[in-house]
Every structure is written in structure tokens, then in C-alpha cells.
Amino acid sequence: MEPKRGDRVSLDAKKVGQPRRAGIVRSVAQGISGVRYQVEWDDGSHSVIAPGAGILLIEGKIASSSSKKPMSSSNKKPKASSKSQTKKPRPATKAKKKKAR
């Protein structure tokens, strides 16, 4: 079974003692030399890999809502304030000093 776009996959570590890498297939490209996968790993990095047979394990399809990246705070729409925007600011007043008795 070949991984498809949106599948969750894992890859064995290159060295003994390192953890297995897991990520999501973002694109699949068929070329002369075989199939290449662009994978977004859980640590945020991206790789284009052409794995040999049995190297890339398919863990399952992810839900479509979780494949979307969350909106950053700069992309969110500002909330409408409850106060009217037409009010003018009050002029600053001088505070009266009270005399101590």
C-alpha cells in the first residue's frame, strides 16, 4: 500500500537509540526514478524522501480538520468592542489636593 497525501507515516531512526520520526505526507510526486513524498514531521521540519520498500510505515489517515494549521494570533479577526467608537476622550482634569487636618 502506497502512502497518499494526508496519511500519517513514520520512519525508523538512522542511528540506534534515536526515536522513530513521525509526520504527515503533504504531497506525492511520481518521477522517472520512482515516487517521492514531501513529509512534514512532527517537529515542524520538512523532507522530500524516496524511501525503499518497507521503510516508510503508514500509520493511518488523519482527520481533515486536524490537517489544517491553526490560525496565528496575527491572522485572527479583531473582536468588535462593546463600546461605541464615536465617543470622544474626556479632557484631562487637574486633581485637587486635599489639605490634611
N, C-alpha and C. Protein backbone atom coordinates (compact mmCIF):
# COMPACT_ATOMS: atom_id res chain seq x y z
N MET A 1 0.85 -1.18 0.00
CA MET A 1 0.00 0.00 0.00
C MET A 1 0.89 1.24 0.00
N GLU A 2 0.59 2.17 -0.88
CA GLU A 2 1.36 3.40 -1.01
C GLU A 2 0.75 4.51 -0.14
N PRO A 3 1.60 5.32 0.53
CA PRO A 3 1.05 6.46 1.28
C PRO A 3 0.46 7.49 0.32
N LYS A 4 -0.59 8.12 0.74
CA LYS A 4 -1.25 9.16 -0.05
C LYS A 4 -1.17 10.47 0.73
N ARG A 5 -1.49 11.55 0.04
CA ARG A 5 -1.49 12.88 0.67
C ARG A 5 -2.43 12.86 1.87
N GLY A 6 -1.93 13.32 3.01
CA GLY A 6 -2.73 13.38 4.23
C GLY A 6 -2.54 12.18 5.14
N ASP A 7 -1.82 11.15 4.69
CA ASP A 7 -1.57 9.97 5.53
C ASP A 7 -0.52 10.29 6.59
N ARG A 8 -0.69 9.70 7.75
CA ARG A 8 0.29 9.81 8.82
C ARG A 8 1.28 8.66 8.62
N VAL A 9 2.57 8.98 8.61
CA VAL A 9 3.61 7.99 8.36
C VAL A 9 4.70 8.07 9.43
N SER A 10 5.49 7.01 9.53
CA SER A 10 6.64 7.03 10.43
C SER A 10 7.82 6.38 9.73
N LEU A 11 9.00 6.75 10.18
CA LEU A 11 10.24 6.31 9.56
C LEU A 11 11.19 5.92 10.68
N ASP A 12 11.85 4.76 10.52
CA ASP A 12 12.82 4.33 11.52
C ASP A 12 13.96 5.33 11.62
N ALA A 13 14.59 5.37 12.79
CA ALA A 13 15.72 6.27 13.03
C ALA A 13 16.93 5.82 12.23
N LYS A 14 17.83 6.77 11.94
CA LYS A 14 19.05 6.45 11.19
C LYS A 14 20.08 5.76 12.09
N LYS A 15 20.05 6.06 13.38
CA LYS A 15 21.03 5.50 14.31
C LYS A 15 20.31 4.78 15.45
N VAL A 16 20.99 3.81 16.02
CA VAL A 16 20.45 3.07 17.15
C VAL A 16 20.29 4.02 18.34
N GLY A 17 19.17 3.94 19.02
CA GLY A 17 18.92 4.77 20.19
C GLY A 17 18.15 6.04 19.89
N GLN A 18 18.03 6.42 18.62
CA GLN A 18 17.25 7.60 18.26
C GLN A 18 15.79 7.20 18.12
N PRO A 19 14.88 8.11 18.41
CA PRO A 19 13.45 7.77 18.28
C PRO A 19 13.01 7.73 16.82
N ARG A 20 11.92 7.05 16.57
CA ARG A 20 11.29 6.97 15.25
C ARG A 20 10.72 8.35 14.90
N ARG A 21 10.82 8.76 13.64
CA ARG A 21 10.25 10.04 13.19
C ARG A 21 8.84 9.78 12.68
N ALA A 22 7.94 10.69 12.99
CA ALA A 22 6.56 10.58 12.51
C ALA A 22 6.14 11.91 11.92
N GLY A 23 5.25 11.85 10.91
CA GLY A 23 4.79 13.07 10.27
C GLY A 23 3.63 12.80 9.33
N ILE A 24 3.31 13.81 8.53
CA ILE A 24 2.16 13.77 7.62
C ILE A 24 2.66 13.99 6.19
N VAL A 25 2.18 13.16 5.26
CA VAL A 25 2.54 13.31 3.85
C VAL A 25 1.79 14.52 3.30
N ARG A 26 2.53 15.52 2.81
CA ARG A 26 1.93 16.74 2.27
C ARG A 26 1.75 16.68 0.76
N SER A 27 2.64 15.94 0.06
CA SER A 27 2.47 15.78 -1.39
C SER A 27 3.18 14.51 -1.85
N VAL A 28 2.70 13.98 -2.97
CA VAL A 28 3.27 12.79 -3.59
C VAL A 28 3.61 13.15 -5.02
N ALA A 29 4.86 12.85 -5.45
CA ALA A 29 5.29 13.14 -6.82
C ALA A 29 5.84 11.88 -7.46
N GLN A 30 5.33 11.56 -8.64
CA GLN A 30 5.81 10.39 -9.40
C GLN A 30 6.82 10.88 -10.42
N GLY A 31 8.01 10.32 -10.38
CA GLY A 31 9.05 10.71 -11.33
C GLY A 31 9.64 9.50 -12.02
N ILE A 32 10.67 9.73 -12.82
CA ILE A 32 11.33 8.64 -13.54
C ILE A 32 11.99 7.67 -12.56
N SER A 33 12.57 8.22 -11.50
CA SER A 33 13.29 7.39 -10.54
C SER A 33 12.38 6.77 -9.47
N GLY A 34 11.09 7.06 -9.50
CA GLY A 34 10.16 6.49 -8.53
C GLY A 34 9.31 7.56 -7.86
N VAL A 35 8.72 7.16 -6.77
CA VAL A 35 7.81 8.04 -6.04
C VAL A 35 8.59 8.80 -4.97
N ARG A 36 8.29 10.07 -4.83
CA ARG A 36 8.88 10.91 -3.78
C ARG A 36 7.75 11.49 -2.95
N TYR A 37 8.00 11.59 -1.66
CA TYR A 37 7.00 12.11 -0.73
C TYR A 37 7.56 13.33 -0.02
N GLN A 38 6.75 14.38 0.06
CA GLN A 38 7.12 15.51 0.90
C GLN A 38 6.41 15.29 2.23
N VAL A 39 7.20 15.19 3.30
CA VAL A 39 6.66 14.88 4.62
C VAL A 39 6.92 16.05 5.56
N GLU A 40 5.88 16.45 6.28
CA GLU A 40 6.02 17.44 7.36
C GLU A 40 6.10 16.66 8.66
N TRP A 41 7.27 16.68 9.28
CA TRP A 41 7.50 15.92 10.50
C TRP A 41 6.87 16.62 11.70
N ASP A 42 6.67 15.88 12.77
CA ASP A 42 6.04 16.42 13.98
C ASP A 42 6.85 17.54 14.61
N ASP A 43 8.16 17.59 14.36
CA ASP A 43 8.98 18.67 14.92
C ASP A 43 8.92 19.95 14.09
N GLY A 44 8.14 19.92 12.97
CA GLY A 44 7.97 21.11 12.14
C GLY A 44 8.84 21.15 10.91
N SER A 45 9.82 20.27 10.81
CA SER A 45 10.70 20.27 9.63
C SER A 45 10.03 19.54 8.47
N HIS A 46 10.54 19.76 7.26
CA HIS A 46 10.02 19.13 6.04
C HIS A 46 11.14 18.35 5.37
N SER A 47 10.79 17.24 4.72
CA SER A 47 11.74 16.44 3.95
C SER A 47 11.07 15.93 2.70
N VAL A 48 11.86 15.78 1.64
CA VAL A 48 11.42 15.08 0.45
C VAL A 48 12.18 13.77 0.45
N ILE A 49 11.46 12.66 0.52
CA ILE A 49 12.11 11.37 0.63
C ILE A 49 11.62 10.42 -0.46
N ALA A 50 12.49 9.50 -0.84
CA ALA A 50 12.16 8.43 -1.78
C ALA A 50 12.54 7.13 -1.08
N PRO A 51 11.70 6.67 -0.15
CA PRO A 51 12.06 5.52 0.66
C PRO A 51 12.04 4.21 -0.13
N GLY A 52 12.86 3.25 0.32
CA GLY A 52 12.84 1.91 -0.26
C GLY A 52 11.61 1.15 0.24
N ALA A 53 11.42 -0.04 -0.28
CA ALA A 53 10.26 -0.86 0.08
C ALA A 53 10.27 -1.18 1.58
N GLY A 54 9.16 -0.93 2.23
CA GLY A 54 9.01 -1.27 3.65
C GLY A 54 9.67 -0.34 4.63
N ILE A 55 10.25 0.76 4.18
CA ILE A 55 10.94 1.69 5.06
C ILE A 55 9.97 2.69 5.70
N LEU A 56 9.04 3.21 4.93
CA LEU A 56 8.08 4.20 5.40
C LEU A 56 6.81 3.48 5.80
N LEU A 57 6.45 3.56 7.08
CA LEU A 57 5.27 2.87 7.59
C LEU A 57 4.07 3.80 7.62
N ILE A 58 2.94 3.34 7.11
CA ILE A 58 1.71 4.14 7.12
C ILE A 58 0.99 3.86 8.43
N GLU A 59 0.78 4.91 9.21
CA GLU A 59 0.11 4.78 10.50
C GLU A 59 -1.38 5.01 10.38
N GLY A 60 -1.83 5.70 9.34
CA GLY A 60 -3.25 5.94 9.15
C GLY A 60 -3.53 7.29 8.54
N LYS A 61 -4.78 7.49 8.19
CA LYS A 61 -5.25 8.75 7.61
C LYS A 61 -5.59 9.69 8.75
N ILE A 62 -5.21 10.95 8.61
CA ILE A 62 -5.56 11.93 9.63
C ILE A 62 -6.90 12.55 9.29
N ALA A 63 -7.55 13.09 10.29
CA ALA A 63 -8.82 13.78 10.07
C ALA A 63 -8.57 15.07 9.30
N SER A 64 -9.49 15.43 8.43
CA SER A 64 -9.29 16.61 7.57
C SER A 64 -9.21 17.90 8.37
N SER A 65 -9.90 17.98 9.51
CA SER A 65 -9.87 19.22 10.29
C SER A 65 -8.53 19.39 10.99
N SER A 66 -7.86 18.29 11.35
CA SER A 66 -6.58 18.43 12.04
C SER A 66 -5.43 18.68 11.08
N SER A 67 -5.65 18.50 9.77
CA SER A 67 -4.57 18.76 8.82
C SER A 67 -4.38 20.25 8.57
N LYS A 68 -5.37 21.04 8.94
CA LYS A 68 -5.24 22.48 8.79
C LYS A 68 -4.40 23.04 9.93
N LYS A 69 -3.59 24.01 9.60
CA LYS A 69 -2.78 24.65 10.63
C LYS A 69 -3.64 25.63 11.40
N PRO A 70 -3.41 25.76 12.72
CA PRO A 70 -4.19 26.72 13.48
C PRO A 70 -3.83 28.14 13.09
N MET A 71 -4.81 29.02 13.21
CA MET A 71 -4.57 30.42 12.87
C MET A 71 -3.68 31.04 13.93
N SER A 72 -2.72 31.84 13.50
CA SER A 72 -1.89 32.54 14.45
C SER A 72 -2.67 33.76 14.95
N SER A 73 -2.20 34.34 16.02
CA SER A 73 -2.92 35.47 16.60
C SER A 73 -2.96 36.67 15.65
N SER A 74 -1.97 36.77 14.74
CA SER A 74 -1.97 37.89 13.80
C SER A 74 -3.00 37.70 12.69
N ASN A 75 -3.42 36.46 12.44
CA ASN A 75 -4.39 36.20 11.38
C ASN A 75 -5.84 36.27 11.86
N LYS A 76 -6.04 36.29 13.15
CA LYS A 76 -7.40 36.31 13.68
C LYS A 76 -8.03 37.68 13.48
N LYS A 77 -9.34 37.66 13.24
CA LYS A 77 -10.06 38.93 13.08
C LYS A 77 -10.23 39.57 14.45
N PRO A 78 -10.09 40.90 14.53
CA PRO A 78 -10.28 41.55 15.82
C PRO A 78 -11.75 41.49 16.24
N LYS A 79 -11.95 41.32 17.54
CA LYS A 79 -13.31 41.27 18.05
C LYS A 79 -13.89 42.69 18.10
N ALA A 80 -15.18 42.78 17.85
CA ALA A 80 -15.84 44.08 17.92
C ALA A 80 -15.96 44.48 19.38
N SER A 81 -15.58 45.72 19.68
CA SER A 81 -15.67 46.16 21.07
C SER A 81 -17.10 46.55 21.40
N SER A 82 -17.45 46.42 22.68
CA SER A 82 -18.80 46.74 23.11
C SER A 82 -19.00 48.25 23.25
N LYS A 83 -17.91 48.99 23.36
CA LYS A 83 -18.02 50.45 23.50
C LYS A 83 -18.16 51.09 22.13
N SER A 84 -18.86 52.16 22.09
CA SER A 84 -19.05 52.87 20.84
C SER A 84 -17.75 53.57 20.45
N GLN A 85 -17.43 53.54 19.19
CA GLN A 85 -16.20 54.15 18.69
C GLN A 85 -16.37 55.65 18.45
N THR A 86 -17.60 56.19 18.58
CA THR A 86 -17.85 57.60 18.29
C THR A 86 -17.61 58.49 19.50
N LYS A 87 -17.44 57.94 20.69
CA LYS A 87 -17.21 58.76 21.88
C LYS A 87 -15.84 59.40 21.82
N LYS A 88 -15.79 60.67 22.21
CA LYS A 88 -14.53 61.38 22.25
C LYS A 88 -13.92 61.21 23.64
N PRO A 89 -12.60 61.18 23.74
CA PRO A 89 -11.98 61.05 25.06
C PRO A 89 -12.20 62.30 25.89
N ARG A 90 -12.32 62.12 27.18
CA ARG A 90 -12.51 63.26 28.09
C ARG A 90 -11.21 64.03 28.23
N PRO A 91 -11.32 65.36 28.35
CA PRO A 91 -10.09 66.13 28.57
C PRO A 91 -9.53 65.84 29.96
N ALA A 92 -8.24 65.90 30.08
CA ALA A 92 -7.60 65.63 31.37
C ALA A 92 -7.93 66.76 32.34
N THR A 93 -8.24 66.40 33.58
CA THR A 93 -8.54 67.41 34.61
C THR A 93 -7.47 67.37 35.67
N LYS A 94 -7.24 68.50 36.28
CA LYS A 94 -6.25 68.57 37.34
C LYS A 94 -6.89 68.07 38.63
N ALA A 95 -6.17 67.25 39.34
CA ALA A 95 -6.68 66.71 40.60
C ALA A 95 -6.52 67.78 41.69
N LYS A 96 -7.55 67.91 42.53
CA LYS A 96 -7.49 68.87 43.63
C LYS A 96 -6.79 68.20 44.82
N LYS A 97 -5.91 68.97 45.44
CA LYS A 97 -5.22 68.45 46.60
C LYS A 97 -6.04 68.74 47.84
N LYS A 98 -6.18 67.71 48.69
CA LYS A 98 -6.92 67.89 49.95
C LYS A 98 -5.92 68.24 51.03
N LYS A 99 -6.34 69.17 51.87
CA LYS A 99 -5.46 69.56 52.99
C LYS A 99 -5.71 68.62 54.16
N ALA A 100 -4.65 68.19 54.79
CA ALA A 100 -4.77 67.31 55.94
C ALA A 100 -5.09 68.14 57.15
N ARG A 101 -6.01 67.72 58.02
CA ARG A 101 -6.37 68.47 59.22
C ARG A 101 -5.85 67.83 60.44
